[in-house]
Amino acid sequence: LRMVSEERAAYEGRSRQRRDRIVELHRQGLKGYEIARELSVS
């Protein structure tokens, strides 16, 4: 895990982009399960 883990900044950036995308899709009118399917998250 220590050898293959990604840099914290890279993880946080990816996480921030996903949060922004979730909000964007919600504002476009998608339901939670539709957003989850679109982004391949729960």
All heavy atoms as atom14 arrays in JSON, in Angstrom:
{
  "sequence": "LRMVSEERAAYEGRSRQRRDRIVELHRQGLKGYEIARELSVS",
  "atom14_mask": [
    [1, 1, 1, 1, 1, 1, 1, 1, 0, 0, 0, 0, 0, 0],
    [1, 1, 1, 1, 1, 1, 1, 1, 1, 1, 1, 0, 0, 0],
    [1, 1, 1, 1, 1, 1, 1, 1, 0, 0, 0, 0, 0, 0],
    [1, 1, 1, 1, 1, 1, 1, 0, 0, 0, 0, 0, 0, 0],
    [1, 1, 1, 1, 1, 1, 0, 0, 0, 0, 0, 0, 0, 0],
    [1, 1, 1, 1, 1, 1, 1, 1, 1, 0, 0, 0, 0, 0],
    [1, 1, 1, 1, 1, 1, 1, 1, 1, 0, 0, 0, 0, 0],
    [1, 1, 1, 1, 1, 1, 1, 1, 1, 1, 1, 0, 0, 0],
    [1, 1, 1, 1, 1, 0, 0, 0, 0, 0, 0, 0, 0, 0],
    [1, 1, 1, 1, 1, 0, 0, 0, 0, 0, 0, 0, 0, 0],
    [1, 1, 1, 1, 1, 1, 1, 1, 1, 1, 1, 1, 0, 0],
    [1, 1, 1, 1, 1, 1, 1, 1, 1, 0, 0, 0, 0, 0],
    [1, 1, 1, 1, 0, 0, 0, 0, 0, 0, 0, 0, 0, 0],
    [1, 1, 1, 1, 1, 1, 1, 1, 1, 1, 1, 0, 0, 0],
    [1, 1, 1, 1, 1, 1, 0, 0, 0, 0, 0, 0, 0, 0],
    [1, 1, 1, 1, 1, 1, 1, 1, 1, 1, 1, 0, 0, 0],
    [1, 1, 1, 1, 1, 1, 1, 1, 1, 0, 0, 0, 0, 0],
    [1, 1, 1, 1, 1, 1, 1, 1, 1, 1, 1, 0, 0, 0],
    [1, 1, 1, 1, 1, 1, 1, 1, 1, 1, 1, 0, 0, 0],
    [1, 1, 1, 1, 1, 1, 1, 1, 0, 0, 0, 0, 0, 0],
    [1, 1, 1, 1, 1, 1, 1, 1, 1, 1, 1, 0, 0, 0],
    [1, 1, 1, 1, 1, 1, 1, 1, 0, 0, 0, 0, 0, 0],
    [1, 1, 1, 1, 1, 1, 1, 0, 0, 0, 0, 0, 0, 0],
    [1, 1, 1, 1, 1, 1, 1, 1, 1, 0, 0, 0, 0, 0],
    [1, 1, 1, 1, 1, 1, 1, 1, 0, 0, 0, 0, 0, 0],
    [1, 1, 1, 1, 1, 1, 1, 1, 1, 1, 0, 0, 0, 0],
    [1, 1, 1, 1, 1, 1, 1, 1, 1, 1, 1, 0, 0, 0],
    [1, 1, 1, 1, 1, 1, 1, 1, 1, 0, 0, 0, 0, 0],
    [1, 1, 1, 1, 0, 0, 0, 0, 0, 0, 0, 0, 0, 0],
    [1, 1, 1, 1, 1, 1, 1, 1, 0, 0, 0, 0, 0, 0],
    [1, 1, 1, 1, 1, 1, 1, 1, 1, 0, 0, 0, 0, 0],
    [1, 1, 1, 1, 0, 0, 0, 0, 0, 0, 0, 0, 0, 0],
    [1, 1, 1, 1, 1, 1, 1, 1, 1, 1, 1, 1, 0, 0],
    [1, 1, 1, 1, 1, 1, 1, 1, 1, 0, 0, 0, 0, 0],
    [1, 1, 1, 1, 1, 1, 1, 1, 0, 0, 0, 0, 0, 0],
    [1, 1, 1, 1, 1, 0, 0, 0, 0, 0, 0, 0, 0, 0],
    [1, 1, 1, 1, 1, 1, 1, 1, 1, 1, 1, 0, 0, 0],
    [1, 1, 1, 1, 1, 1, 1, 1, 1, 0, 0, 0, 0, 0],
    [1, 1, 1, 1, 1, 1, 1, 1, 0, 0, 0, 0, 0, 0],
    [1, 1, 1, 1, 1, 1, 0, 0, 0, 0, 0, 0, 0, 0],
    [1, 1, 1, 1, 1, 1, 1, 0, 0, 0, 0, 0, 0, 0],
    [1, 1, 1, 1, 1, 1, 0, 0, 0, 0, 0, 0, 0, 0]
  ],
  "atom14_positions": [
    [[0.82, -1.21, 0.0], [0.0, 0.0, 0.0], [0.86, 1.26, 0.0], [0.57, 2.23, -0.7], [-0.95, 0.0, 1.2], [-2.06, -1.03, 1.16], [-2.83, -1.04, 2.47], [-2.99, -0.77, -0.01], [0.0, 0.0, 0.0], [0.0, 0.0, 0.0], [0.0, 0.0, 0.0], [0.0, 0.0, 0.0], [0.0, 0.0, 0.0], [0.0, 0.0, 0.0]],
    [[1.91, 1.24, 0.8], [2.79, 2.41, 0.87], [3.51, 2.64, -0.45], [3.7, 3.78, -0.88], [3.8, 2.22, 2.0], [4.55, 3.48, 2.35], [5.5, 3.24, 3.48], [6.05, 1.99, 3.1], [6.82, 1.12, 3.73], [7.16, 1.29, 4.77], [7.26, 0.01, 3.32], [0.0, 0.0, 0.0], [0.0, 0.0, 0.0], [0.0, 0.0, 0.0]],
    [[3.89, 1.57, -1.13], [4.66, 1.69, -2.37], [3.79, 2.1, -3.57], [4.27, 2.78, -4.47], [5.36, 0.37, -2.69], [6.37, -0.05, -1.64], [7.69, 1.13, -1.39], [8.63, 0.89, -2.85], [0.0, 0.0, 0.0], [0.0, 0.0, 0.0], [0.0, 0.0, 0.0], [0.0, 0.0, 0.0], [0.0, 0.0, 0.0], [0.0, 0.0, 0.0]],
    [[2.54, 1.68, -3.6], [1.72, 1.94, -4.78], [0.67, 3.03, -4.58], [-0.06, 3.36, -5.5], [1.01, 0.66, -5.28], [2.02, -0.39, -5.66], [0.02, 0.15, -4.27], [0.0, 0.0, 0.0], [0.0, 0.0, 0.0], [0.0, 0.0, 0.0], [0.0, 0.0, 0.0], [0.0, 0.0, 0.0], [0.0, 0.0, 0.0], [0.0, 0.0, 0.0]],
    [[0.61, 3.6, -3.39], [-0.42, 4.61, -3.15], [-0.13, 5.87, -3.95], [1.02, 6.21, -4.22], [-0.51, 4.94, -1.66], [0.69, 5.54, -1.22], [0.0, 0.0, 0.0], [0.0, 0.0, 0.0], [0.0, 0.0, 0.0], [0.0, 0.0, 0.0], [0.0, 0.0, 0.0], [0.0, 0.0, 0.0], [0.0, 0.0, 0.0], [0.0, 0.0, 0.0]],
    [[-1.2, 6.58, -4.31], [-1.03, 7.81, -5.07], [-0.76, 8.97, -4.13], [-1.04, 8.9, -2.93], [-2.27, 8.09, -5.93], [-3.52, 8.37, -5.17], [-4.73, 8.55, -6.07], [-4.62, 9.27, -7.08], [-5.76, 7.97, -5.76], [0.0, 0.0, 0.0], [0.0, 0.0, 0.0], [0.0, 0.0, 0.0], [0.0, 0.0, 0.0], [0.0, 0.0, 0.0]],
    [[-0.22, 10.02, -4.65], [0.07, 11.21, -3.86], [-1.23, 11.78, -3.29], [-2.27, 11.76, -3.95], [0.75, 12.28, -4.71], [2.13, 11.9, -5.18], [3.12, 11.83, -4.04], [3.04, 12.65, -3.1], [3.99, 10.93, -4.08], [0.0, 0.0, 0.0], [0.0, 0.0, 0.0], [0.0, 0.0, 0.0], [0.0, 0.0, 0.0], [0.0, 0.0, 0.0]],
    [[-1.16, 12.3, -2.09], [-2.35, 12.85, -1.43], [-2.97, 13.97, -2.26], [-4.19, 14.06, -2.39], [-1.96, 13.35, -0.03], [-3.11, 13.87, 0.77], [-3.98, 12.74, 1.21], [-5.13, 13.25, 1.94], [-6.06, 12.48, 2.43], [-5.96, 11.18, 2.3], [-7.08, 12.97, 3.06], [0.0, 0.0, 0.0], [0.0, 0.0, 0.0], [0.0, 0.0, 0.0]],
    [[-2.16, 14.84, -2.82], [-2.67, 15.96, -3.62], [-3.43, 15.44, -4.85], [-4.47, 16.0, -5.21], [-1.54, 16.87, -4.05], [0.0, 0.0, 0.0], [0.0, 0.0, 0.0], [0.0, 0.0, 0.0], [0.0, 0.0, 0.0], [0.0, 0.0, 0.0], [0.0, 0.0, 0.0], [0.0, 0.0, 0.0], [0.0, 0.0, 0.0], [0.0, 0.0, 0.0]],
    [[-2.94, 14.39, -5.46], [-3.62, 13.82, -6.62], [-4.97, 13.24, -6.22], [-5.98, 13.44, -6.9], [-2.75, 12.74, -7.27], [0.0, 0.0, 0.0], [0.0, 0.0, 0.0], [0.0, 0.0, 0.0], [0.0, 0.0, 0.0], [0.0, 0.0, 0.0], [0.0, 0.0, 0.0], [0.0, 0.0, 0.0], [0.0, 0.0, 0.0], [0.0, 0.0, 0.0]],
    [[-4.99, 12.52, -5.08], [-6.25, 11.95, -4.59], [-7.25, 13.06, -4.27], [-8.42, 12.99, -4.65], [-6.0, 11.1, -3.34], [-7.26, 10.78, -2.61], [-8.13, 9.8, -3.08], [-7.62, 11.49, -1.47], [-9.32, 9.52, -2.43], [-8.81, 11.22, -0.81], [-9.65, 10.23, -1.29], [-10.81, 9.97, -0.64], [0.0, 0.0, 0.0], [0.0, 0.0, 0.0]],
    [[-6.8, 14.09, -3.56], [-7.7, 15.18, -3.18], [-8.23, 15.92, -4.4], [-9.39, 16.32, -4.43], [-7.0, 16.13, -2.22], [-6.81, 15.53, -0.84], [-6.01, 16.4, 0.1], [-5.4, 17.4, -0.37], [-5.99, 16.08, 1.3], [0.0, 0.0, 0.0], [0.0, 0.0, 0.0], [0.0, 0.0, 0.0], [0.0, 0.0, 0.0], [0.0, 0.0, 0.0]],
    [[-7.4, 16.09, -5.41], [-7.84, 16.75, -6.63], [-8.91, 15.95, -7.35], [-9.92, 16.48, -7.8], [0.0, 0.0, 0.0], [0.0, 0.0, 0.0], [0.0, 0.0, 0.0], [0.0, 0.0, 0.0], [0.0, 0.0, 0.0], [0.0, 0.0, 0.0], [0.0, 0.0, 0.0], [0.0, 0.0, 0.0], [0.0, 0.0, 0.0], [0.0, 0.0, 0.0]],
    [[-8.69, 14.64, -7.44], [-9.67, 13.75, -8.07], [-10.97, 13.73, -7.28], [-12.06, 13.78, -7.83], [-9.06, 12.33, -8.14], [-9.55, 11.49, -9.23], [-8.74, 10.22, -9.42], [-8.12, 9.66, -8.23], [-8.74, 8.89, -7.33], [-10.0, 8.59, -7.49], [-8.09, 8.42, -6.29], [0.0, 0.0, 0.0], [0.0, 0.0, 0.0], [0.0, 0.0, 0.0]],
    [[-10.85, 13.73, -5.95], [-12.02, 13.74, -5.09], [-12.81, 15.04, -5.24], [-14.04, 15.04, -5.31], [-11.59, 13.55, -3.64], [-12.69, 13.56, -2.77], [0.0, 0.0, 0.0], [0.0, 0.0, 0.0], [0.0, 0.0, 0.0], [0.0, 0.0, 0.0], [0.0, 0.0, 0.0], [0.0, 0.0, 0.0], [0.0, 0.0, 0.0], [0.0, 0.0, 0.0]],
    [[-12.1, 16.15, -5.31], [-12.74, 17.46, -5.47], [-13.49, 17.53, -6.8], [-14.61, 18.02, -6.88], [-11.69, 18.57, -5.39], [-12.25, 19.96, -5.29], [-11.16, 21.02, -5.08], [-10.2, 20.67, -4.04], [-8.94, 20.26, -4.28], [-8.47, 20.19, -5.51], [-8.12, 19.96, -3.29], [0.0, 0.0, 0.0], [0.0, 0.0, 0.0], [0.0, 0.0, 0.0]],
    [[-12.87, 17.0, -7.86], [-13.53, 16.99, -9.17], [-14.79, 16.14, -9.13], [-15.81, 16.51, -9.72], [-12.58, 16.44, -10.24], [-11.48, 17.39, -10.6], [-10.49, 16.76, -11.57], [-10.44, 15.54, -11.73], [-9.69, 17.6, -12.21], [0.0, 0.0, 0.0], [0.0, 0.0, 0.0], [0.0, 0.0, 0.0], [0.0, 0.0, 0.0], [0.0, 0.0, 0.0]],
    [[-14.74, 15.01, -8.44], [-15.91, 14.15, -8.34], [-17.02, 14.86, -7.56], [-18.18, 14.82, -7.95], [-15.55, 12.82, -7.67], [-16.72, 11.85, -7.63], [-16.35, 10.5, -7.1], [-15.71, 10.62, -5.8], [-14.76, 9.79, -5.35], [-14.34, 8.81, -6.08], [-14.25, 9.97, -4.16], [0.0, 0.0, 0.0], [0.0, 0.0, 0.0], [0.0, 0.0, 0.0]],
    [[-16.67, 15.54, -6.45], [-17.68, 16.29, -5.69], [-18.33, 17.36, -6.55], [-19.55, 17.52, -6.56], [-17.04, 16.94, -4.46], [-16.85, 16.01, -3.3], [-16.51, 16.77, -2.03], [-15.34, 17.63, -2.17], [-14.1, 17.27, -1.88], [-13.85, 16.05, -1.44], [-13.11, 18.11, -2.01], [0.0, 0.0, 0.0], [0.0, 0.0, 0.0], [0.0, 0.0, 0.0]],
    [[-17.52, 18.1, -7.29], [-18.05, 19.15, -8.16], [-18.97, 18.55, -9.24], [-20.01, 19.12, -9.56], [-16.92, 19.93, -8.83], [-16.1, 20.74, -7.84], [-16.56, 20.95, -6.69], [-14.99, 21.17, -8.21], [0.0, 0.0, 0.0], [0.0, 0.0, 0.0], [0.0, 0.0, 0.0], [0.0, 0.0, 0.0], [0.0, 0.0, 0.0], [0.0, 0.0, 0.0]],
    [[-18.59, 17.41, -9.77], [-19.39, 16.74, -10.81], [-20.72, 16.25, -10.23], [-21.75, 16.35, -10.89], [-18.6, 15.57, -11.41], [-19.27, 14.92, -12.56], [-19.24, 15.8, -13.8], [-19.87, 15.07, -14.89], [-20.73, 15.59, -15.72], [-21.04, 16.86, -15.66], [-21.29, 14.86, -16.66], [0.0, 0.0, 0.0], [0.0, 0.0, 0.0], [0.0, 0.0, 0.0]],
    [[-20.71, 15.75, -9.0], [-21.94, 15.31, -8.34], [-22.9, 16.48, -8.2], [-24.08, 16.38, -8.53], [-21.64, 14.67, -6.97], [-20.99, 13.29, -7.16], [-22.9, 14.55, -6.12], [-20.45, 12.67, -5.88], [0.0, 0.0, 0.0], [0.0, 0.0, 0.0], [0.0, 0.0, 0.0], [0.0, 0.0, 0.0], [0.0, 0.0, 0.0], [0.0, 0.0, 0.0]],
    [[-22.4, 17.61, -7.74], [-23.24, 18.8, -7.58], [-23.76, 19.26, -8.94], [-24.95, 19.58, -9.09], [-22.46, 19.93, -6.87], [-23.22, 21.25, -6.95], [-22.19, 19.56, -5.42], [0.0, 0.0, 0.0], [0.0, 0.0, 0.0], [0.0, 0.0, 0.0], [0.0, 0.0, 0.0], [0.0, 0.0, 0.0], [0.0, 0.0, 0.0], [0.0, 0.0, 0.0]],
    [[-22.89, 19.27, -9.95], [-23.3, 19.69, -11.3], [-24.42, 18.8, -11.84], [-25.43, 19.31, -12.36], [-22.08, 19.65, -12.24], [-22.38, 20.02, -13.66], [-22.73, 21.48, -13.83], [-22.36, 22.3, -12.97], [-23.37, 21.81, -14.84], [0.0, 0.0, 0.0], [0.0, 0.0, 0.0], [0.0, 0.0, 0.0], [0.0, 0.0, 0.0], [0.0, 0.0, 0.0]],
    [[-24.26, 17.49, -11.72], [-25.29, 16.58, -12.23], [-26.59, 16.72, -11.45], [-27.68, 16.64, -12.02], [-24.79, 15.13, -12.18], [-23.65, 14.82, -13.17], [-23.1, 13.42, -12.91], [-24.12, 14.97, -14.6], [0.0, 0.0, 0.0], [0.0, 0.0, 0.0], [0.0, 0.0, 0.0], [0.0, 0.0, 0.0], [0.0, 0.0, 0.0], [0.0, 0.0, 0.0]],
    [[-26.48, 16.96, -10.15], [-27.69, 17.17, -9.34], [-28.43, 18.43, -9.8], [-29.65, 18.43, -9.93], [-27.31, 17.3, -7.86], [-28.47, 17.59, -6.97], [-29.4, 16.64, -6.64], [-28.87, 18.73, -6.37], [-30.32, 17.18, -5.85], [-30.02, 18.45, -5.68], [0.0, 0.0, 0.0], [0.0, 0.0, 0.0], [0.0, 0.0, 0.0], [0.0, 0.0, 0.0]],
    [[-27.67, 19.48, -10.07], [-28.29, 20.73, -10.53], [-28.91, 20.58, -11.91], [-29.83, 21.3, -12.27], [-27.27, 21.87, -10.54], [-26.85, 22.24, -9.11], [-26.14, 23.52, -9.02], [-27.11, 24.59, -9.24], [-26.79, 25.78, -9.69], [-25.56, 26.07, -9.98], [-27.72, 26.7, -9.86], [0.0, 0.0, 0.0], [0.0, 0.0, 0.0], [0.0, 0.0, 0.0]],
    [[-28.43, 19.61, -12.7], [-29.01, 19.34, -14.01], [-30.29, 18.51, -13.9], [-30.96, 18.28, -14.9], [-28.01, 18.59, -14.9], [-26.85, 19.45, -15.33], [-25.82, 18.68, -16.12], [-26.06, 17.57, -16.57], [-24.66, 19.27, -16.3], [0.0, 0.0, 0.0], [0.0, 0.0, 0.0], [0.0, 0.0, 0.0], [0.0, 0.0, 0.0], [0.0, 0.0, 0.0]],
    [[-30.61, 18.06, -12.68], [-31.87, 17.36, -12.46], [-31.77, 15.86, -12.33], [-32.79, 15.18, -12.22], [0.0, 0.0, 0.0], [0.0, 0.0, 0.0], [0.0, 0.0, 0.0], [0.0, 0.0, 0.0], [0.0, 0.0, 0.0], [0.0, 0.0, 0.0], [0.0, 0.0, 0.0], [0.0, 0.0, 0.0], [0.0, 0.0, 0.0], [0.0, 0.0, 0.0]],
    [[-30.56, 15.3, -12.34], [-30.42, 13.86, -12.19], [-30.69, 13.44, -10.75], [-30.41, 14.19, -9.81], [-29.01, 13.4, -12.58], [-28.8, 13.04, -14.05], [-28.93, 14.27, -14.93], [-27.47, 12.38, -14.23], [0.0, 0.0, 0.0], [0.0, 0.0, 0.0], [0.0, 0.0, 0.0], [0.0, 0.0, 0.0], [0.0, 0.0, 0.0], [0.0, 0.0, 0.0]],
    [[-31.24, 12.26, -10.58], [-31.48, 11.7, -9.27], [-30.2, 11.07, -8.75], [-29.28, 10.79, -9.51], [-32.59, 10.66, -9.34], [-33.93, 11.25, -9.74], [-34.98, 10.18, -9.75], [-36.37, 10.63, -10.09], [-36.65, 11.97, -10.34], [0.0, 0.0, 0.0], [0.0, 0.0, 0.0], [0.0, 0.0, 0.0], [0.0, 0.0, 0.0], [0.0, 0.0, 0.0]],
    [[-30.14, 10.82, -7.44], [-28.93, 10.29, -6.82], [-28.45, 9.0, -7.45], [-27.25, 8.83, -7.73], [0.0, 0.0, 0.0], [0.0, 0.0, 0.0], [0.0, 0.0, 0.0], [0.0, 0.0, 0.0], [0.0, 0.0, 0.0], [0.0, 0.0, 0.0], [0.0, 0.0, 0.0], [0.0, 0.0, 0.0], [0.0, 0.0, 0.0], [0.0, 0.0, 0.0]],
    [[-29.37, 8.06, -7.69], [-28.94, 6.78, -8.26], [-28.46, 6.95, -9.71], [-27.59, 6.21, -10.17], [-30.06, 5.73, -8.17], [-31.25, 5.96, -9.06], [-31.3, 5.45, -10.36], [-32.34, 6.7, -8.61], [-32.39, 5.67, -11.17], [-33.45, 6.92, -9.42], [-33.46, 6.41, -10.7], [-34.55, 6.63, -11.51], [0.0, 0.0, 0.0], [0.0, 0.0, 0.0]],
    [[-28.99, 7.95, -10.42], [-28.53, 8.21, -11.78], [-27.12, 8.8, -11.77], [-26.28, 8.45, -12.61], [-29.49, 9.16, -12.49], [-30.87, 8.58, -12.71], [-31.9, 9.6, -13.17], [-31.79, 10.79, -12.79], [-32.81, 9.21, -13.92], [0.0, 0.0, 0.0], [0.0, 0.0, 0.0], [0.0, 0.0, 0.0], [0.0, 0.0, 0.0], [0.0, 0.0, 0.0]],
    [[-26.88, 9.68, -10.82], [-25.54, 10.27, -10.67], [-24.54, 9.16, -10.32], [-23.45, 9.09, -10.88], [-25.54, 11.36, -9.59], [-26.43, 12.53, -10.01], [-24.11, 11.84, -9.31], [-26.69, 13.55, -8.91], [0.0, 0.0, 0.0], [0.0, 0.0, 0.0], [0.0, 0.0, 0.0], [0.0, 0.0, 0.0], [0.0, 0.0, 0.0], [0.0, 0.0, 0.0]],
    [[-24.95, 8.28, -9.4], [-24.08, 7.18, -8.99], [-23.72, 6.29, -10.17], [-22.55, 5.92, -10.36], [-24.76, 6.35, -7.9], [0.0, 0.0, 0.0], [0.0, 0.0, 0.0], [0.0, 0.0, 0.0], [0.0, 0.0, 0.0], [0.0, 0.0, 0.0], [0.0, 0.0, 0.0], [0.0, 0.0, 0.0], [0.0, 0.0, 0.0], [0.0, 0.0, 0.0]],
    [[-24.7, 5.99, -10.98], [-24.45, 5.15, -12.16], [-23.53, 5.87, -13.14], [-22.61, 5.27, -13.7], [-25.77, 4.8, -12.83], [-25.63, 3.73, -13.9], [-26.95, 3.31, -14.5], [-27.92, 2.92, -13.5], [-29.19, 3.34, -13.47], [-29.62, 4.16, -14.4], [-30.01, 2.95, -12.54], [0.0, 0.0, 0.0], [0.0, 0.0, 0.0], [0.0, 0.0, 0.0]],
    [[-23.77, 7.14, -13.34], [-22.96, 7.94, -14.28], [-21.49, 7.99, -13.86], [-20.59, 7.9, -14.7], [-23.53, 9.36, -14.36], [-22.7, 10.34, -15.13], [-22.97, 10.3, -16.62], [-24.0, 9.75, -17.04], [-22.12, 10.81, -17.35], [0.0, 0.0, 0.0], [0.0, 0.0, 0.0], [0.0, 0.0, 0.0], [0.0, 0.0, 0.0], [0.0, 0.0, 0.0]],
    [[-21.24, 8.13, -12.57], [-19.88, 8.29, -12.07], [-19.26, 7.0, -11.55], [-18.13, 7.0, -11.06], [-19.86, 9.34, -10.96], [-20.34, 10.74, -11.35], [-20.3, 11.67, -10.17], [-19.5, 11.28, -12.5], [0.0, 0.0, 0.0], [0.0, 0.0, 0.0], [0.0, 0.0, 0.0], [0.0, 0.0, 0.0], [0.0, 0.0, 0.0], [0.0, 0.0, 0.0]],
    [[-20.02, 5.9, -11.61], [-19.56, 4.59, -11.12], [-19.16, 4.64, -9.65], [-18.09, 4.18, -9.26], [-18.39, 4.07, -11.96], [-18.77, 3.89, -13.29], [0.0, 0.0, 0.0], [0.0, 0.0, 0.0], [0.0, 0.0, 0.0], [0.0, 0.0, 0.0], [0.0, 0.0, 0.0], [0.0, 0.0, 0.0], [0.0, 0.0, 0.0], [0.0, 0.0, 0.0]],
    [[-20.02, 5.27, -8.84], [-19.83, 5.3, -7.39], [-21.13, 4.81, -6.76], [-22.12, 4.58, -7.46], [-19.49, 6.73, -6.88], [-18.18, 7.21, -7.48], [-20.59, 7.72, -7.2], [0.0, 0.0, 0.0], [0.0, 0.0, 0.0], [0.0, 0.0, 0.0], [0.0, 0.0, 0.0], [0.0, 0.0, 0.0], [0.0, 0.0, 0.0], [0.0, 0.0, 0.0]],
    [[-21.14, 4.67, -5.44], [-22.35, 4.21, -4.79], [-23.34, 5.37, -4.61], [-22.96, 6.54, -4.55], [-22.02, 3.62, -3.41], [-21.63, 4.63, -2.52], [0.0, 0.0, 0.0], [0.0, 0.0, 0.0], [0.0, 0.0, 0.0], [0.0, 0.0, 0.0], [0.0, 0.0, 0.0], [0.0, 0.0, 0.0], [0.0, 0.0, 0.0], [0.0, 0.0, 0.0]]
  ]
}
